[in-house]
Amino acid sequence: MLKFGYISGTLDNLIIYESNEKTAYFTVGNTKVMIEAETIKAKNPPFIKNKITYVPLRLVAQTFGCIVDWDQKTKTVYINRKLEETD
């Protein structure tokens, strides 16, 4: 889970994340996530612990165009933006 540092708004456990590309709506305790006009199911729901909101890292990263890799040996997550091809 990702400690959510940037939230554009919250209302009754609704978490709104915006970028220049997309908007995602999460609800604490609910696995349904709305991204633009599409509803998808997250593996784990967002939750709040010690007044900090956590959301599923892989889902957020992939939604906003990132590649997520896991290194089992070092127990490290790598998140990178996809490179745009140029001619």
C-alpha atoms as a PDB file:
ATOM      1  CA  MET A   1       0.000   0.000   0.000  1.00  0.00           C
ATOM      2  CA  LEU A   2       1.102   3.532  -0.788  1.00  0.00           C
ATOM      3  CA  LYS A   3       1.097   6.272   1.834  1.00  0.00           C
ATOM      4  CA  PHE A   4      -0.956   8.792  -0.072  1.00  0.00           C
ATOM      5  CA  GLY A   5       0.796  12.138  -0.035  1.00  0.00           C
ATOM      6  CA  TYR A   6      -1.157  14.061  -2.664  1.00  0.00           C
ATOM      7  CA  ILE A   7      -4.914  14.135  -2.447  1.00  0.00           C
ATOM      8  CA  SER A   8      -6.817  16.824  -4.257  1.00  0.00           C
ATOM      9  CA  GLY A   9      -9.857  16.315  -2.091  1.00  0.00           C
ATOM     10  CA  THR A  10     -11.546  14.071   0.442  1.00  0.00           C
ATOM     11  CA  LEU A  11     -15.203  13.801   1.382  1.00  0.00           C
ATOM     12  CA  ASP A  12     -16.836  11.067   3.451  1.00  0.00           C
ATOM     13  CA  ASN A  13     -13.948   8.646   2.880  1.00  0.00           C
ATOM     14  CA  LEU A  14     -13.809   9.491  -0.848  1.00  0.00           C
ATOM     15  CA  ILE A  15     -10.250  10.054  -2.051  1.00  0.00           C
ATOM     16  CA  ILE A  16      -9.744  11.975  -5.274  1.00  0.00           C
ATOM     17  CA  TYR A  17      -6.388  11.835  -7.057  1.00  0.00           C
ATOM     18  CA  GLU A  18      -5.831  14.036 -10.088  1.00  0.00           C
ATOM     19  CA  SER A  19      -3.016  14.335 -12.572  1.00  0.00           C
ATOM     20  CA  ASN A  20      -2.820  16.131 -15.898  1.00  0.00           C
ATOM     21  CA  GLU A  21      -3.905  12.866 -17.514  1.00  0.00           C
ATOM     22  CA  LYS A  22      -6.589  11.261 -15.341  1.00  0.00           C
ATOM     23  CA  THR A  23      -8.693  11.447 -12.221  1.00  0.00           C
ATOM     24  CA  ALA A  24      -9.144   8.479  -9.895  1.00  0.00           C
ATOM     25  CA  TYR A  25     -11.762   8.141  -7.163  1.00  0.00           C
ATOM     26  CA  PHE A  26     -11.140   5.771  -4.244  1.00  0.00           C
ATOM     27  CA  THR A  27     -13.364   5.054  -1.251  1.00  0.00           C
ATOM     28  CA  VAL A  28     -11.809   3.958   2.022  1.00  0.00           C
ATOM     29  CA  GLY A  29     -12.695   0.315   2.688  1.00  0.00           C
ATOM     30  CA  ASN A  30     -14.040  -0.290  -0.837  1.00  0.00           C
ATOM     31  CA  THR A  31     -12.231  -2.207  -3.590  1.00  0.00           C
ATOM     32  CA  LYS A  32     -14.152  -0.438  -6.368  1.00  0.00           C
ATOM     33  CA  VAL A  33     -12.142   2.372  -7.960  1.00  0.00           C
ATOM     34  CA  MET A  34     -13.476   4.776 -10.570  1.00  0.00           C
ATOM     35  CA  ILE A  35     -10.915   5.971 -13.098  1.00  0.00           C
ATOM     36  CA  GLU A  36     -12.427   8.479 -15.487  1.00  0.00           C
ATOM     37  CA  ALA A  37     -15.719   6.752 -16.469  1.00  0.00           C
ATOM     38  CA  GLU A  38     -14.505   3.188 -15.831  1.00  0.00           C
ATOM     39  CA  THR A  39     -14.982   1.247 -12.596  1.00  0.00           C
ATOM     40  CA  ILE A  40     -12.370  -1.369 -11.753  1.00  0.00           C
ATOM     41  CA  LYS A  41     -11.791  -3.604  -8.750  1.00  0.00           C
ATOM     42  CA  ALA A  42      -8.631  -3.193  -6.695  1.00  0.00           C
ATOM     43  CA  LYS A  43      -7.005  -6.173  -5.019  1.00  0.00           C
ATOM     44  CA  ASN A  44      -6.978  -4.287  -1.697  1.00  0.00           C
ATOM     45  CA  PRO A  45      -9.117  -1.352  -0.564  1.00  0.00           C
ATOM     46  CA  PRO A  46      -7.678   1.962   0.620  1.00  0.00           C
ATOM     47  CA  PHE A  47      -7.522   2.353   4.396  1.00  0.00           C
ATOM     48  CA  ILE A  48      -6.654   4.910   7.052  1.00  0.00           C
ATOM     49  CA  LYS A  49      -4.200   4.124   9.851  1.00  0.00           C
ATOM     50  CA  ASN A  50      -3.000   6.704  12.375  1.00  0.00           C
ATOM     51  CA  LYS A  51      -4.651   9.478  10.323  1.00  0.00           C
ATOM     52  CA  ILE A  52      -2.686   8.475   7.200  1.00  0.00           C
ATOM     53  CA  THR A  53      -4.514   7.287   4.079  1.00  0.00           C
ATOM     54  CA  TYR A  54      -3.038   4.348   2.139  1.00  0.00           C
ATOM     55  CA  VAL A  55      -4.031   3.326  -1.394  1.00  0.00           C
ATOM     56  CA  PRO A  56      -2.937   0.357  -3.570  1.00  0.00           C
ATOM     57  CA  LEU A  57       0.470   1.315  -4.991  1.00  0.00           C
ATOM     58  CA  ARG A  58       0.468  -0.860  -8.122  1.00  0.00           C
ATOM     59  CA  LEU A  59      -3.021   0.265  -9.152  1.00  0.00           C
ATOM     60  CA  VAL A  60      -2.244   3.961  -8.721  1.00  0.00           C
ATOM     61  CA  ALA A  61       1.101   3.723 -10.508  1.00  0.00           C
ATOM     62  CA  GLN A  62      -0.256   1.753 -13.467  1.00  0.00           C
ATOM     63  CA  THR A  63      -3.323   3.979 -13.746  1.00  0.00           C
ATOM     64  CA  PHE A  64      -1.118   7.007 -14.211  1.00  0.00           C
ATOM     65  CA  GLY A  65       1.134   5.425 -16.812  1.00  0.00           C
ATOM     66  CA  CYS A  66       3.934   3.943 -14.730  1.00  0.00           C
ATOM     67  CA  ILE A  67       5.642   0.579 -14.925  1.00  0.00           C
ATOM     68  CA  VAL A  68       5.872  -1.319 -11.629  1.00  0.00           C
ATOM     69  CA  ASP A  69       8.582  -3.924 -11.057  1.00  0.00           C
ATOM     70  CA  TRP A  70       9.284  -5.996  -7.942  1.00  0.00           C
ATOM     71  CA  ASP A  71      12.765  -7.281  -7.098  1.00  0.00           C
ATOM     72  CA  GLN A  72      12.178 -10.328  -4.911  1.00  0.00           C
ATOM     73  CA  LYS A  73      15.848 -10.625  -3.944  1.00  0.00           C
ATOM     74  CA  THR A  74      16.109  -7.115  -2.486  1.00  0.00           C
ATOM     75  CA  LYS A  75      12.398  -6.735  -1.635  1.00  0.00           C
ATOM     76  CA  THR A  76      12.352  -3.469  -3.592  1.00  0.00           C
ATOM     77  CA  VAL A  77       9.605  -1.911  -5.710  1.00  0.00           C
ATOM     78  CA  TYR A  78      10.682   0.081  -8.775  1.00  0.00           C
ATOM     79  CA  ILE A  79       8.249   2.537 -10.340  1.00  0.00           C
ATOM     80  CA  ASN A  80       9.151   4.244 -13.604  1.00  0.00           C
ATOM     81  CA  ARG A  81       7.275   6.406 -16.081  1.00  0.00           C
ATOM     82  CA  LYS A  82       6.794   4.899 -19.515  1.00  0.00           C
ATOM     83  CA  LEU A  83       9.009   6.577 -22.070  1.00  0.00           C
ATOM     84  CA  GLU A  84       7.282   8.061 -25.083  1.00  0.00           C
ATOM     85  CA  GLU A  85       8.677   6.982 -28.418  1.00  0.00           C
ATOM     86  CA  THR A  86      10.057   9.669 -30.702  1.00  0.00           C
ATOM     87  CA  ASP A  87      10.738   9.437 -34.411  1.00  0.00           C
END
